[in-house]
C-alpha atoms as a PDB file:
ATOM      1  CA  MET A   1     -17.476 -10.374   9.132  1.00  0.00           C
ATOM      2  CA  SER A   2     -14.138  -8.576   8.842  1.00  0.00           C
ATOM      3  CA  ILE A   3     -12.973  -6.136   6.211  1.00  0.00           C
ATOM      4  CA  GLN A   4      -9.297  -5.437   5.774  1.00  0.00           C
ATOM      5  CA  PHE A   5      -8.288  -2.323   3.871  1.00  0.00           C
ATOM      6  CA  PRO A   6      -5.274  -0.020   3.709  1.00  0.00           C
ATOM      7  CA  ILE A   7      -5.293   3.325   5.471  1.00  0.00           C
ATOM      8  CA  THR A   8      -2.887   6.233   5.362  1.00  0.00           C
ATOM      9  CA  ILE A   9      -1.568   7.492   8.680  1.00  0.00           C
ATOM     10  CA  LYS A  10       0.182  10.851   8.636  1.00  0.00           C
ATOM     11  CA  ILE A  11       2.304  11.516  11.708  1.00  0.00           C
ATOM     12  CA  LEU A  12       2.884  15.093  12.796  1.00  0.00           C
ATOM     13  CA  TYR A  13       5.138  16.190  15.628  1.00  0.00           C
ATOM     14  CA  GLU A  14       4.106  19.269  17.578  1.00  0.00           C
ATOM     15  CA  PRO A  15       6.886  20.067  20.081  1.00  0.00           C
ATOM     16  CA  GLU A  16       4.842  22.790  21.806  1.00  0.00           C
ATOM     17  CA  ALA A  17       2.353  20.094  22.917  1.00  0.00           C
ATOM     18  CA  LYS A  18       4.624  18.675  25.607  1.00  0.00           C
ATOM     19  CA  ASP A  19       2.276  16.005  27.022  1.00  0.00           C
ATOM     20  CA  VAL A  20       1.115  14.553  23.694  1.00  0.00           C
ATOM     21  CA  PRO A  21       3.336  15.894  20.913  1.00  0.00           C
ATOM     22  CA  TYR A  22       2.514  13.288  18.260  1.00  0.00           C
ATOM     23  CA  VAL A  23      -0.610  13.566  16.117  1.00  0.00           C
ATOM     24  CA  ALA A  24      -1.744  10.705  13.883  1.00  0.00           C
ATOM     25  CA  TYR A  25      -4.160  11.641  11.107  1.00  0.00           C
ATOM     26  CA  ILE A  26      -6.099   9.234   8.851  1.00  0.00           C
ATOM     27  CA  PRO A  27      -7.108  11.395   5.882  1.00  0.00           C
ATOM     28  CA  GLU A  28      -9.410   8.841   4.205  1.00  0.00           C
ATOM     29  CA  PHE A  29     -11.830   9.186   7.109  1.00  0.00           C
ATOM     30  CA  ASP A  30     -10.757  12.588   8.457  1.00  0.00           C
ATOM     31  CA  VAL A  31      -9.999  11.240  11.944  1.00  0.00           C
ATOM     32  CA  SER A  32      -7.052  11.950  14.169  1.00  0.00           C
ATOM     33  CA  SER A  33      -5.746  11.467  17.658  1.00  0.00           C
ATOM     34  CA  CYS A  34      -2.623  12.212  19.618  1.00  0.00           C
ATOM     35  CA  GLY A  35      -0.207  10.455  21.920  1.00  0.00           C
ATOM     36  CA  LYS A  36       2.948  10.719  23.951  1.00  0.00           C
ATOM     37  CA  THR A  37       4.764   8.591  21.355  1.00  0.00           C
ATOM     38  CA  GLU A  38       4.316   8.046  17.628  1.00  0.00           C
ATOM     39  CA  GLU A  39       3.099   4.484  18.238  1.00  0.00           C
ATOM     40  CA  LYS A  40       0.574   5.597  20.871  1.00  0.00           C
ATOM     41  CA  ALA A  41      -0.772   8.297  18.537  1.00  0.00           C
ATOM     42  CA  LYS A  42      -1.207   5.717  15.744  1.00  0.00           C
ATOM     43  CA  GLU A  43      -2.881   3.281  18.138  1.00  0.00           C
ATOM     44  CA  ASN A  44      -5.244   6.013  19.358  1.00  0.00           C
ATOM     45  CA  ALA A  45      -6.121   7.113  15.800  1.00  0.00           C
ATOM     46  CA  LYS A  46      -6.936   3.530  14.821  1.00  0.00           C
ATOM     47  CA  ARG A  47      -9.170   3.257  17.895  1.00  0.00           C
ATOM     48  CA  VAL A  48     -10.970   6.490  16.927  1.00  0.00           C
ATOM     49  CA  LEU A  49     -11.499   5.052  13.434  1.00  0.00           C
ATOM     50  CA  GLU A  50     -12.809   1.809  14.906  1.00  0.00           C
ATOM     51  CA  ILE A  51     -15.284   3.698  17.118  1.00  0.00           C
ATOM     52  CA  THR A  52     -16.364   5.817  14.145  1.00  0.00           C
ATOM     53  CA  LEU A  53     -16.940   2.757  11.950  1.00  0.00           C
ATOM     54  CA  GLU A  54     -18.850   0.981  14.742  1.00  0.00           C
ATOM     55  CA  GLU A  55     -21.141   3.997  15.157  1.00  0.00           C
ATOM     56  CA  VAL A  56     -21.738   4.341  11.419  1.00  0.00           C
ATOM     57  CA  LYS A  57     -22.500   0.606  11.256  1.00  0.00           C
ATOM     58  CA  LYS A  58     -25.054   0.966  14.088  1.00  0.00           C
ATOM     59  CA  GLN A  59     -26.736   3.697  12.033  1.00  0.00           C
ATOM     60  CA  GLY A  60     -26.921   1.330   9.049  1.00  0.00           C
ATOM     61  CA  LYS A  61     -24.732   3.569   6.886  1.00  0.00           C
ATOM     62  CA  LEU A  62     -21.435   1.661   6.778  1.00  0.00           C
ATOM     63  CA  LYS A  63     -21.413   0.889   3.042  1.00  0.00           C
ATOM     64  CA  GLU A  64     -22.281   4.501   2.202  1.00  0.00           C
ATOM     65  CA  PHE A  65     -19.603   5.814   4.578  1.00  0.00           C
ATOM     66  CA  LEU A  66     -16.925   3.533   3.118  1.00  0.00           C
ATOM     67  CA  LYS A  67     -17.957   4.450  -0.424  1.00  0.00           C
ATOM     68  CA  GLU A  68     -17.626   8.170   0.360  1.00  0.00           C
ATOM     69  CA  ALA A  69     -14.080   7.464   1.595  1.00  0.00           C
ATOM     70  CA  GLY A  70     -13.257   5.688  -1.675  1.00  0.00           C
ATOM     71  CA  PHE A  71     -13.651   2.102  -0.484  1.00  0.00           C
ATOM     72  CA  SER A  72     -15.965  -0.658  -1.673  1.00  0.00           C
ATOM     73  CA  THR A  73     -17.193  -3.675   0.296  1.00  0.00           C
ATOM     74  CA  GLN A  74     -18.055  -5.790  -2.738  1.00  0.00           C
ATOM     75  CA  SER A  75     -16.802  -9.378  -2.996  1.00  0.00           C
ATOM     76  CA  SER A  76     -13.503  -8.095  -4.413  1.00  0.00           C
ATOM     77  CA  PRO A  77     -12.867  -4.851  -2.479  1.00  0.00           C
ATOM     78  CA  LEU A  78     -11.757  -1.731  -4.316  1.00  0.00           C
ATOM     79  CA  PHE A  79      -9.290   0.611  -2.667  1.00  0.00           C
ATOM     80  CA  PRO A  80      -8.333   4.179  -3.498  1.00  0.00           C
ATOM     81  CA  LYS A  81      -5.075   4.628  -5.373  1.00  0.00           C
ATOM     82  CA  ILE A  82      -2.319   6.251  -3.319  1.00  0.00           C
ATOM     83  CA  THR A  83       0.613   8.020  -4.903  1.00  0.00           C
ATOM     84  CA  PHE A  84       3.376  10.182  -3.504  1.00  0.00           C
ATOM     85  CA  GLU A  85       4.151  13.108  -5.747  1.00  0.00           C
ATOM     86  CA  PRO A  86       6.846  15.757  -5.383  1.00  0.00           C
ATOM     87  CA  PHE A  87       5.494  19.229  -4.912  1.00  0.00           C
ATOM     88  CA  ILE A  88       7.684  22.289  -5.251  1.00  0.00           C
ATOM     89  CA  PHE A  89       6.618  25.658  -3.929  1.00  0.00           C
ATOM     90  CA  HIS A  90       8.908  28.560  -4.676  1.00  0.00           C
ATOM     91  CA  VAL A  91       9.034  31.290  -2.058  1.00  0.00           C
END
């Protein structure tokens, strides 16, 4: 069985990390990884998520884990709503 759902991937660039300056973060599941390029960081983060989901599934807690992240595995899946809002901070 396969489940397809949207994820958010935030890309951060850390120039002081010369070998792997790109960090990809998936906030829905609080997982991240890094890479030499943006694409490699995203690929690595997706792999970390896949490993995490496989482990949670082995423990028999996949539905609970997905629910805590805001996802549902019912016949018609429910996904969290994502919005981008401006935020102004005056210094």
